[in-house]
Structure formats: C-alpha cells, structure tokens
Protein backbone atom coordinates (compact mmCIF):
# COMPACT_ATOMS: atom_id res chain seq x y z
CA MET A 1 82.00 13.88 65.74
CA TYR A 2 83.35 11.45 68.42
CA THR A 3 86.36 12.16 70.32
CA LYS A 4 89.09 9.13 70.57
CA LEU A 5 89.52 7.71 73.93
CA ASN A 6 93.40 6.84 74.56
CA ARG A 7 94.66 4.04 77.01
CA ASN A 8 95.34 6.58 79.51
CA THR A 9 91.98 8.03 79.67
CA ARG A 10 89.41 6.92 82.43
CA TYR A 11 86.78 8.21 82.02
CA TRP A 12 84.82 10.69 79.39
CA LEU A 13 81.65 12.74 80.10
CA VAL A 14 80.45 15.25 77.90
CA LEU A 15 78.40 18.59 78.53
CA VAL A 16 75.86 19.88 75.85
CA TYR A 17 74.43 23.43 75.80
CA THR A 18 72.20 24.96 73.05
CA HIS A 19 73.22 28.10 71.76
CA CYS A 20 70.04 29.61 73.20
CA ALA A 21 70.97 28.80 76.72
CA ARG A 22 74.24 30.29 76.27
CA HIS A 23 72.92 34.04 75.63
CA GLY A 24 70.31 33.48 78.40
CA CYS A 25 67.06 32.95 76.70
CA PRO A 26 64.90 30.46 77.88
CA SER A 27 65.20 27.73 75.12
CA MET A 28 64.24 24.84 77.45
CA THR A 29 60.49 26.11 77.15
CA GLN A 30 60.53 27.56 73.92
CA ARG A 31 58.65 25.84 70.72
CA SER A 32 62.02 26.31 69.35
CA SER A 33 63.75 23.65 71.70
CA LEU A 34 65.57 21.02 69.94
CA SER A 35 66.88 17.38 70.73
CA LEU A 36 69.89 15.79 69.96
CA TRP A 37 70.17 11.98 69.76
CA SER A 38 73.31 9.70 69.75
CA PRO A 39 73.38 5.93 70.07
CA LEU A 40 76.02 4.19 73.04
CA PRO A 41 77.50 1.55 71.42
CA GLN A 42 77.47 -1.56 74.16
CA GLY A 43 80.19 -4.25 74.23
CA PRO A 44 80.35 -7.25 75.75
CA PRO A 45 79.24 -8.51 78.22
CA ALA A 46 75.66 -6.91 77.80
CA PRO A 47 72.00 -7.75 78.17
CA CYS A 48 70.47 -9.12 74.37
CA THR A 49 68.20 -6.74 72.52
CA ARG A 50 64.69 -7.10 74.08
CA TYR A 51 61.19 -5.64 74.57
CA ARG A 52 58.65 -5.03 77.12
CA HIS A 53 61.14 -5.46 79.47
CA ALA A 54 61.26 -2.90 83.11
CA CYS A 55 64.10 -0.39 84.06
CA SER A 56 64.48 1.85 86.97
CA SER A 57 67.60 3.93 87.89
CA HIS A 58 69.49 4.48 91.34
CA LYS A 59 72.03 6.93 91.75
CA GLY A 60 73.98 6.75 88.52
CA ASP A 61 72.92 2.80 87.99
CA VAL A 62 70.40 1.79 85.68
CA TYR A 63 68.91 -1.77 86.51
CA LEU A 64 67.00 -3.97 83.76
CA LEU A 65 65.11 -7.21 84.31
CA GLY A 66 63.35 -9.64 82.05
CA GLY A 67 61.59 -8.58 78.88
CA ARG A 68 61.09 -10.80 75.61
CA GLU A 69 63.06 -11.50 72.76
CA ARG A 70 62.32 -14.69 70.67
CA MET A 71 61.09 -15.99 74.58
CA VAL A 72 60.37 -14.45 77.95
CA LEU A 73 63.81 -13.62 79.42
CA ARG A 74 64.82 -14.58 83.12
CA ASP A 75 68.00 -12.15 83.72
CA PHE A 76 69.08 -9.11 85.42
CA TRP A 77 71.57 -6.49 84.74
CA LYS A 78 72.97 -3.40 86.38
CA TYR A 79 74.75 -0.49 83.56
CA SER A 80 76.96 2.31 84.96
CA VAL A 81 76.29 4.90 82.98
CA VAL A 82 79.31 6.65 83.97
CA ARG A 83 81.64 3.73 82.58
CA ASN A 84 79.08 2.81 79.88
CA ASP A 85 79.29 -0.93 81.10
CA TRP A 86 76.89 -3.55 82.20
CA THR A 87 77.28 -6.22 85.07
CA LYS A 88 74.70 -9.40 85.21
CA LEU A 89 73.17 -9.95 88.71
CA ASP A 90 71.85 -12.85 90.14
CA CYS A 91 68.22 -13.70 89.79
CA SER A 92 67.98 -17.46 90.55
CA SER A 93 67.68 -17.62 94.67
CA GLU A 94 64.07 -18.28 96.29
CA TRP A 95 62.94 -15.02 96.27
CA ALA A 96 63.80 -13.88 92.56
CA PRO A 97 61.00 -13.57 90.06
CA GLU A 98 60.59 -16.19 87.12
CA GLU A 99 60.42 -15.02 83.37
CA LEU A 100 58.52 -11.65 83.21
CA GLU A 101 57.61 -9.72 80.51
CA GLY A 102 55.23 -6.33 80.56
CA HIS A 103 55.99 -5.97 84.38
CA THR A 104 57.37 -2.71 86.23
CA MET A 105 59.96 -1.68 88.52
CA VAL A 106 60.31 1.21 91.03
CA SER A 107 63.05 2.35 92.91
CA HIS A 108 62.09 3.34 96.81
CA GLN A 109 65.34 4.01 99.45
CA GLY A 110 67.60 1.82 97.77
CA ILE A 111 65.14 -1.23 97.44
CA LEU A 112 63.72 -2.17 94.02
CA TYR A 113 59.81 -3.05 93.82
CA VAL A 114 59.09 -5.43 90.82
CA PHE A 115 55.37 -6.12 90.21
CA GLY A 116 53.47 -8.35 87.47
CA GLY A 117 54.95 -9.83 84.28
CA LEU A 118 54.47 -13.56 85.07
CA ILE A 119 53.52 -16.17 82.28
CA ASP A 120 49.74 -16.65 82.64
CA SER A 121 49.31 -20.24 83.98
CA ALA A 122 46.79 -21.66 87.03
CA TYR A 123 50.86 -20.97 88.72
CA THR A 124 49.79 -17.30 88.88
CA ASP A 125 46.33 -17.65 90.21
CA TRP A 126 48.13 -18.01 93.65
CA LYS A 127 51.32 -16.55 93.06
CA MET A 128 52.13 -13.26 94.74
CA PRO A 129 53.85 -10.96 91.52
CA LEU A 130 55.61 -9.08 93.70
CA TRP A 131 59.74 -9.13 94.40
CA LEU A 132 62.08 -6.86 96.41
CA PHE A 133 65.69 -6.44 95.50
CA ASP A 134 68.41 -4.70 98.24
CA ILE A 135 70.38 -2.71 95.93
CA GLU A 136 73.24 -2.06 98.55
CA LYS A 137 73.64 -5.70 99.11
CA GLU A 138 72.78 -6.90 95.87
CA GLU A 139 70.31 -9.60 96.60
CA TRP A 140 66.62 -10.49 96.44
CA ARG A 141 64.56 -10.27 99.70
CA TYR A 142 61.60 -11.50 101.44
CA SER A 143 58.23 -9.63 101.05
CA GLU A 144 55.26 -9.67 103.80
CA GLY A 145 53.56 -8.98 100.70
CA GLN A 146 54.26 -11.94 99.25
CA ILE A 147 52.50 -14.51 101.45
CA GLN A 148 49.60 -13.34 103.01
CA PRO A 149 46.53 -14.67 101.12
CA SER A 150 44.18 -13.44 103.67
CA GLN A 151 44.65 -9.52 102.44
CA PRO A 152 43.72 -8.00 99.43
CA ALA A 153 46.09 -8.04 97.00
CA PRO A 154 46.28 -7.27 93.08
CA VAL A 155 46.38 -10.64 90.64
CA ASN A 156 49.19 -10.84 87.86
CA ARG A 157 48.91 -8.64 85.16
CA LYS A 158 50.90 -7.30 82.02
CA GLY A 159 50.96 -3.61 80.72
CA HIS A 160 49.98 -1.78 83.93
CA SER A 161 51.97 1.43 85.53
CA ALA A 162 53.55 1.87 88.18
CA VAL A 163 54.58 5.02 90.26
CA ALA A 164 56.18 5.81 93.88
CA PHE A 165 54.33 8.52 95.83
CA GLY A 166 56.28 8.94 99.06
CA SER A 167 56.13 5.73 101.19
CA ALA A 168 53.81 4.06 99.00
CA MET A 169 53.57 2.62 95.37
CA TYR A 170 50.47 2.67 92.94
CA ILE A 171 49.97 0.66 90.33
CA TYR A 172 47.25 1.08 87.66
CA GLY A 173 45.41 -1.19 84.84
CA GLY A 174 46.81 -3.91 83.24
CA TYR A 175 45.56 -6.91 81.39
CA ILE A 176 44.84 -9.89 82.92
CA ASP A 177 44.61 -13.30 81.72
CA ILE A 178 41.26 -14.30 80.73
CA ARG A 179 39.88 -11.17 82.36
CA GLY A 180 40.97 -8.84 80.17
CA PRO A 181 42.23 -4.92 80.53
CA SER A 182 41.88 -3.92 84.13
CA GLN A 183 40.99 -0.49 85.74
CA GLU A 184 42.05 -1.47 89.25
CA PHE A 185 43.84 1.12 91.32
CA TRP A 186 45.82 -0.60 93.85
CA LYS A 187 48.21 1.13 96.79
CA TYR A 188 51.13 -0.87 98.32
CA GLU A 189 52.84 0.30 101.62
CA PHE A 190 56.63 0.25 101.20
CA ASP A 191 57.00 0.45 105.18
CA THR A 192 53.94 -2.11 106.07
CA GLY A 193 53.95 -4.48 102.91
CA VAL A 194 49.72 -3.67 102.66
CA TRP A 195 47.82 -3.66 99.67
CA SER A 196 44.68 -1.43 99.36
CA LEU A 197 42.33 -1.26 96.41
CA LEU A 198 41.24 2.55 96.01
CA SER A 199 37.80 2.98 96.76
CA GLY A 200 35.91 5.61 94.74
CA VAL A 201 38.24 5.45 91.66
CA GLN A 202 37.04 2.70 89.81
CA ALA A 203 33.83 3.39 87.55
CA GLU A 204 33.47 5.72 85.01
CA GLN A 205 35.21 8.85 86.53
CA GLY A 206 38.71 7.62 85.27
CA PRO A 207 40.49 6.21 82.31
CA GLY A 208 38.50 3.33 82.51
CA PRO A 209 40.16 -0.42 81.58
CA ARG A 210 43.67 0.52 80.63
CA HIS A 211 47.00 -1.22 79.67
CA GLY A 212 50.04 -0.46 77.19
CA HIS A 213 49.78 3.22 78.69
CA ALA A 214 52.49 5.47 80.66
CA VAL A 215 52.52 7.83 83.66
CA VAL A 216 54.54 9.92 85.60
CA ALA A 217 54.07 11.38 88.94
CA HIS A 218 54.35 14.96 89.94
CA GLN A 219 53.85 17.01 93.03
CA HIS A 220 50.62 15.61 94.20
CA SER A 221 49.71 14.26 90.65
CA MET A 222 50.01 11.15 88.43
CA TYR A 223 49.78 12.08 84.79
CA LEU A 224 48.01 8.98 82.53
CA TYR A 225 48.73 9.22 78.63
CA GLY A 226 47.26 6.83 76.07
CA GLY A 227 47.08 2.97 76.00
CA LEU A 228 44.69 0.53 74.87
CA SER A 229 41.28 0.63 75.95
CA GLY A 230 39.72 -2.81 74.84
CA LEU A 231 41.31 -3.53 71.23
CA ARG A 232 41.60 0.65 70.34
CA GLU A 233 44.61 2.79 71.13
CA GLN A 234 43.87 6.14 72.78
CA ARG A 235 45.29 9.80 73.20
CA ASP A 236 43.74 11.04 76.23
CA LEU A 237 45.61 12.81 78.97
CA TRP A 238 43.99 12.23 82.64
CA ARG A 239 45.10 13.47 85.90
CA TRP A 240 44.68 11.88 89.28
CA CYS A 241 45.10 13.90 92.47
CA LEU A 242 46.59 12.04 95.59
CA THR A 243 44.90 14.44 97.86
CA ASN A 244 41.49 14.00 97.36
CA HIS A 245 41.47 10.78 95.21
CA THR A 246 39.79 12.20 92.16
CA TRP A 247 40.45 11.90 88.52
CA SER A 248 40.49 14.43 85.51
CA TYR A 249 40.33 14.67 82.20
CA ILE A 250 42.58 17.10 80.74
CA ARG A 251 41.45 19.00 77.43
CA THR A 252 44.79 19.64 75.12
CA HIS A 253 45.35 21.24 71.77
CA SER A 254 47.01 19.21 69.61
CA GLY A 255 49.77 17.01 71.03
CA PRO A 256 51.02 13.16 70.12
CA SER A 257 48.60 11.01 68.48
CA LYS A 258 46.93 7.93 69.49
CA LEU A 259 49.54 5.44 71.22
CA VAL A 260 50.57 2.41 73.13
CA GLY A 261 53.85 1.17 74.04
CA HIS A 262 55.11 4.93 74.71
CA SER A 263 57.41 5.72 77.69
CA MET A 264 56.75 9.17 79.63
CA VAL A 265 59.34 10.77 81.90
CA LEU A 266 59.23 13.63 84.14
CA TYR A 267 61.69 16.72 83.31
CA ARG A 268 61.43 19.91 85.30
CA ASP A 269 58.08 21.05 85.28
CA SER A 270 57.38 18.96 81.84
CA VAL A 271 56.73 15.50 80.60
CA LEU A 272 58.93 13.97 77.94
CA LEU A 273 56.65 11.49 75.63
CA PHE A 274 58.90 9.23 73.46
CA GLY A 275 58.17 6.41 70.70
CA GLY A 276 55.27 4.18 70.98
CA GLY A 277 52.88 3.32 68.11
CA GLU A 278 49.41 3.80 66.78
CA THR A 279 49.35 0.07 66.52
CA GLN A 280 51.23 -2.84 67.88
CA ASN A 281 53.57 -3.14 65.06
CA SER A 282 54.15 0.77 63.97
CA PRO A 283 56.96 2.20 66.09
CA LEU A 284 57.27 6.45 66.28
CA ASN A 285 60.31 8.13 66.97
CA SER A 286 58.30 10.96 67.88
CA LEU A 287 59.52 13.17 70.93
CA TRP A 288 56.90 15.26 72.99
CA ARG A 289 56.92 17.72 75.53
CA LEU A 290 54.33 18.18 77.85
CA ASN A 291 54.10 21.81 79.75
CA LEU A 292 52.58 20.82 83.34
CA PRO A 293 51.60 24.28 84.63
CA SER A 294 49.71 25.05 80.90
CA HIS A 295 48.92 21.61 79.86
CA VAL A 296 50.22 22.31 76.71
CA TRP A 297 51.95 19.89 74.18
CA GLU A 298 55.08 20.89 72.47
CA LYS A 299 56.46 18.53 69.79
CA VAL A 300 60.49 18.50 70.36
CA ALA A 301 62.18 18.41 66.90
CA ALA A 302 65.63 16.35 66.08
CA ILE A 303 68.94 18.70 65.55
CA LYS A 304 69.88 17.64 61.45
CA THR A 305 71.79 14.38 61.54
CA SER A 306 70.56 13.47 64.64
CA ASN A 307 68.07 10.42 63.79
CA PRO A 308 66.13 9.22 66.88
CA PRO A 309 64.95 5.43 66.84
CA GLY A 310 61.44 4.40 66.40
CA ARG A 311 60.84 2.06 69.38
CA ILE A 312 57.44 0.65 70.74
CA HIS A 313 57.62 -1.48 74.27
CA HIS A 314 60.99 0.06 75.25
CA CYS A 315 62.36 1.93 78.77
CA ALA A 316 63.39 5.07 79.16
CA VAL A 317 65.35 6.52 82.06
CA GLY A 318 66.31 9.98 82.98
CA LEU A 319 69.76 11.18 84.30
CA GLY A 320 70.68 14.03 85.80
CA PRO A 321 69.10 16.88 88.27
CA GLY A 322 66.61 18.11 85.61
CA PHE A 323 64.72 14.83 85.95
CA GLN A 324 64.76 14.79 89.77
CA SER A 325 60.86 13.87 90.39
CA SER A 326 58.96 16.41 92.12
CA GLY A 327 56.94 15.12 95.50
CA CYS A 328 57.37 11.20 94.67
CA THR A 329 60.02 8.88 94.34
CA THR A 330 60.51 7.88 90.80
CA GLY A 331 63.65 7.50 88.66
CA LEU A 332 66.51 9.11 90.73
CA ALA A 333 64.26 10.73 93.36
CA ASP A 334 65.87 8.77 96.16
CA SER A 335 69.49 9.77 95.17
CA PRO A 336 71.11 12.01 97.58
CA LEU A 337 72.03 14.39 94.69
CA GLY A 338 69.78 17.55 96.10
CA SER A 339 68.12 20.22 94.12
CA PRO A 340 69.24 21.24 90.73
CA THR A 341 70.25 24.67 92.58
CA SER A 342 72.29 22.88 94.90
CA SER A 343 75.64 24.84 95.76
CA LYS A 344 77.71 22.07 96.36
CA PHE A 345 80.81 21.20 95.05
CA ARG A 346 79.97 20.02 91.40
CA PRO A 347 82.98 18.20 89.66
CA PHE A 348 81.97 18.88 86.20
CA LYS A 349 82.04 22.77 85.52
CA ASN A 350 80.20 24.60 83.18
CA LYS A 351 82.69 25.90 81.14
CA LEU A 352 82.19 26.47 77.35
CA SER A 353 84.84 26.31 74.49
CA PRO A 354 85.14 28.97 71.83
CA ALA A 355 82.61 27.65 68.97
CA PRO A 356 84.70 26.60 65.73
CA ARG A 357 82.04 29.04 63.69
CA PRO A 358 79.47 31.38 64.42
CA LEU A 359 76.74 29.76 66.08
CA LEU A 360 73.56 29.29 64.48
CA GLU A 361 69.94 28.75 66.64
CA GLY A 362 69.90 25.37 68.26
CA ALA A 363 73.90 24.62 67.48
CA ILE A 364 75.73 22.87 70.25
CA GLU A 365 79.03 23.65 72.07
CA LEU A 366 80.74 20.80 74.13
CA GLN A 367 83.75 20.66 76.44
CA THR A 368 85.31 17.50 76.98
CA LEU A 369 86.43 16.28 80.25
CA GLN A 370 88.67 13.71 81.45
CA LEU A 371 89.33 12.19 84.84
CA ASP A 372 92.47 10.32 85.34
CA LYS A 373 92.73 6.86 86.96
CA ARG A 374 93.17 8.19 90.36
CA GLY A 375 89.34 8.32 90.37
CA LEU A 376 89.05 4.63 89.86
CA ARG A 377 89.59 1.93 92.69
CA ASP A 378 92.29 0.08 92.34
CA SER A 379 90.71 -3.43 92.56
CA GLU A 380 88.36 -2.44 89.27
CA GLU A 381 91.24 -0.80 86.94
CA ASP A 382 92.32 -3.91 85.32
CA LEU A 383 88.92 -5.26 85.26
CA ARG A 384 87.64 -2.23 83.17
CA GLU A 385 90.46 -1.63 81.12
CA ASP A 386 89.34 -3.09 78.14
CA ARG A 387 85.71 -1.65 78.38
CA LEU A 388 86.80 2.20 79.18
CA LYS A 389 88.24 2.08 75.74
CA ARG A 390 85.13 2.97 74.19
CA PRO A 391 83.14 6.32 74.45
CA CYS A 392 80.81 7.17 77.61
CA LEU A 393 78.06 9.66 77.39
CA MET A 394 79.38 10.95 73.43
CA PHE A 395 77.28 13.58 71.72
CA GLU A 396 77.58 13.98 68.21
CA ASN A 397 76.78 16.99 65.76
CA GLN A 398 78.61 16.81 62.75
CA ASP A 399 77.23 20.55 61.61
CA ALA A 400 78.47 21.98 65.04
CA PHE A 401 82.28 20.75 65.04
CA GLN A 402 84.86 20.57 62.30
CA LYS A 403 87.66 20.55 64.58
CA ASP A 404 89.36 18.60 67.93
CA TRP A 405 88.49 20.03 71.30
CA ASP A 406 90.48 20.64 74.40
CA MET A 407 90.63 18.43 77.37
CA GLU A 408 90.65 19.62 80.89
CA GLU A 409 91.60 16.71 83.76
CA VAL A 410 89.48 16.86 86.63
CA SER A 411 91.27 15.57 89.43
CA ASP A 412 90.31 14.72 93.29
CA CYS A 413 86.32 13.45 91.98
CA SER A 414 85.56 10.34 93.27
CA GLU A 415 83.30 7.74 91.24
CA GLU A 416 80.22 8.44 93.65
CA SER A 417 80.33 12.17 92.93
CA ILE A 418 80.74 11.94 89.27
CA GLU A 419 77.60 9.57 89.50
CA HIS A 420 75.91 12.17 91.36
CA HIS A 421 76.37 15.11 89.21
CA LEU A 422 75.40 13.22 85.65
CA PRO A 423 74.59 16.10 82.90
CA GLU A 424 71.38 16.19 81.93
CA ALA A 425 70.51 13.12 79.51
CA LEU A 426 67.61 10.72 78.52
CA LEU A 427 68.40 6.95 78.16
CA VAL A 428 65.76 5.13 75.92
CA ILE A 429 67.13 1.08 76.29
CA GLY A 430 65.75 -1.49 73.94
CA GLY A 431 62.50 -1.81 72.53
CA LYS A 432 60.85 -3.05 69.10
CA PRO A 433 61.94 -3.17 66.59
CA LEU A 434 64.65 -5.32 67.32
CA LEU A 435 66.93 -5.21 64.17
CA GLY A 436 68.37 -8.52 64.20
CA GLN A 437 70.99 -6.99 66.55
CA ALA A 438 72.84 -9.04 69.57
CA THR A 439 73.16 -6.81 72.44
CA ILE A 440 70.36 -4.51 73.72
CA SER A 441 70.23 -1.01 71.96
CA VAL A 442 71.14 2.30 74.16
CA TRP A 443 70.42 5.40 72.79
CA GLN A 444 70.62 9.09 74.74
CA MET A 445 68.88 12.37 74.18
CA THR A 446 69.51 15.91 75.21
CA LEU A 447 67.67 18.80 75.23
C-alpha cells in the first residue's frame, strides 16, 4: 500500500523494521532474513533505460554515466535520493568522456574517477581512458594521468572492476580489444596521478583473466566473485590482501551459481550479491548474502508479493550507515556520516507505530515521517513542486498493512541532514532486460 502525497508535503521517507529486529533477535544475521523490494517510478526528466552503465554515490546523491540502450550513450545524470528526481549534468567539455559502456566509476573525497569503456577503435590505442569529475563544482577536471604516455598505464578495457582503498584505486581484469580477457591488476594513486602494475599478482595464483565479475573492498581485503574466464562463467570467490599483495581462493558451500554481470555491495560485515546471469541472456533476481567472518553464503528470500526484477549488467548502490565501507572509500565512505552508532542528532527517529494486527515472523512495521517546506531552499521549491508529488523511498507490503498510518512532522531539519541519515536500502538501477520502457528502472531493497 502506498501512502498518498498531498501538495503541502515536501518530503516523505519511510523507515522499515523487521518484526524480529523489534523483539531483539539478530534477524540481520539469521537465515530467516527477508528482503522487501519495491519499484521507484521515475518521472521526467530522467535518463533512458540502459545497461553496462556505471554508478557511484556521494552523500545523498547517485551519479550515473553512459551505458548502452540501442547504442552507446554519452550522458551524465545526478539522482537525488531524498527528492527522487534526476538532474542532467554536462558531459560535453574538453575533459569529459565520450560514449562509454562497461566502464567503472568510484568516488573519493568529492571526486568521481571514471575508467575504461571507450568504443574500440584505433583512437583508443593512445587515448588514456581516465576522467575526473569534481562533484562540488560539477565540472570535469584535467588529470595528470591523461597525458603521461611515458609512464606505465592501463589501456582501454571493458567489464573490469574498480575499488578504492585509502588513497588509491585498484582495477582488475577487463576485456581488451583484440587481446581478449585480461588479468592485469593496476593501482592508481589519487594524490599523484601515478599508475603502477602490481607485480607478483599476475600469474596463476589469482583469478586469472576475468571480465564481467564483481568486487567489494572490506578492511584490508578485496573480494571478487564470478565473471567470465574466457567464454565460461565462473562461480569462484577470491580474496586479495592489501597488506601482503597475495590472492587466496575461498572455498564455500552452496552459494550463488555461475554468474556474469552481477553486482556486489558491502553491507556491514557482509556482501550482498544481486542478479547477474548464468549466461548473458538469462538474468536472475536472486539476492545472496556472504558473511565475511565465516565465509558462509545465505540466500535471502523476498517477502510475499515483493517481487525483485531479474537484472544483468545493472548497477547497485547502498544507502544508509550500514552500507558505509570499512577500511576503504567506495560508495558513501567519503560522506561525513560517521559510524552507524554515532550519537549525533538524527532527524528520523526510530519510532514504530502499532501493528494493525499481530505480526508474524518477517512482517513489516512502518512509520511515515513528514518534513514541511521549511526544509527546502526557496530557490528550489517551485522547480520541484511537481516532482515532489510522487513518493520517495516508499516501501510496499500489502500483507503487513490494512489501514493508513499517522504522520509525524519533523521540523528544523536541513536537506543535508536528511541526506546524511537515510534509512538503509539498496538501489538497483537499470540493467537488462530493458522491457521497452522509456525511463531507467530503479528498485529499492531493504532487509
């Protein structure tokens, strides 16, 4: 059941809790964990549907670049999670990228670093496929790494992975035109713009040539799952240690199948793996959770009537304190949010409304919170009047609700403070199949 949004309401945010969590049991670590999925309808302006694009988050915004629909795209968008609206950004300057697909984008200290994805041609043999975007100034920046042909640097590739550890970005694998799949492992220093090929990690000891895989960084390790090795999909899990520069194969029981084009996001001390396919044309809608301390996989079932979409070559972005990365700077790690246990003022308090009927295991309780128009800057109010009529971060479960819920006004809250205290949710953006829709699909999931 969706709660309607009246004209005087400026923001809506919904907090979701499991029945098990309310009564103090560790539902987030039990095998009985459930996921709640719901679509977020997108109104104009919004990017068109696509796959093989790249996304990265900074504070309360998600940035989307390129990808492919019927052809390779050259557009750049910012999605405000709080307002549920899109803003098209400039991608035509001298230092902006061309059309890209299969590229990566990571965030570090207010800068987006985009690598790879150029259309294969003789032009890509000498073009350095690295672009920098200044988030605060909203402009593409000159990069030392773009014009140092004498220094070692990776060539253009697609389907690689990229994560940020501290002050560096690490890129693994990818598909290089003519040469095929790669097992190169590159390090890029954010401060100096210097590339280095990591020695001792190239040969038989690691995952080998790989593309279409997914990685996450946690503390001093990087975890890699699946992807294509040659023409064969894989279901192997690897760990790379930052301190001693070694790969180790992790043996697990059960777990996901062979996958390509899936996504992985760090959530607390776990990895959430979604979608992908056993082949390029067989998208799945499975959600898996890997407990990092124990290396045990758990398949997370969806709540009844909550049907996640099958997706391949999509993007996934985590929101809220539980998705803060540990020991690296991916996703929202450079946001000044602080730890999940921070004692700072939080505008959305964890209050639960009475349940409409006795709750069963896995049922949902919901509190709808309202922020009046004092929370909006005057210059933005009229421009967004029509967009704010549609729901933002709404969660649906018809089995759990049979009546309307009370509203609580939250005053004296700035837009920035709301962005820094979002409820925990995973956004799945775009991907195949495209289903003939005009605008990009956005789905949200909460545990």
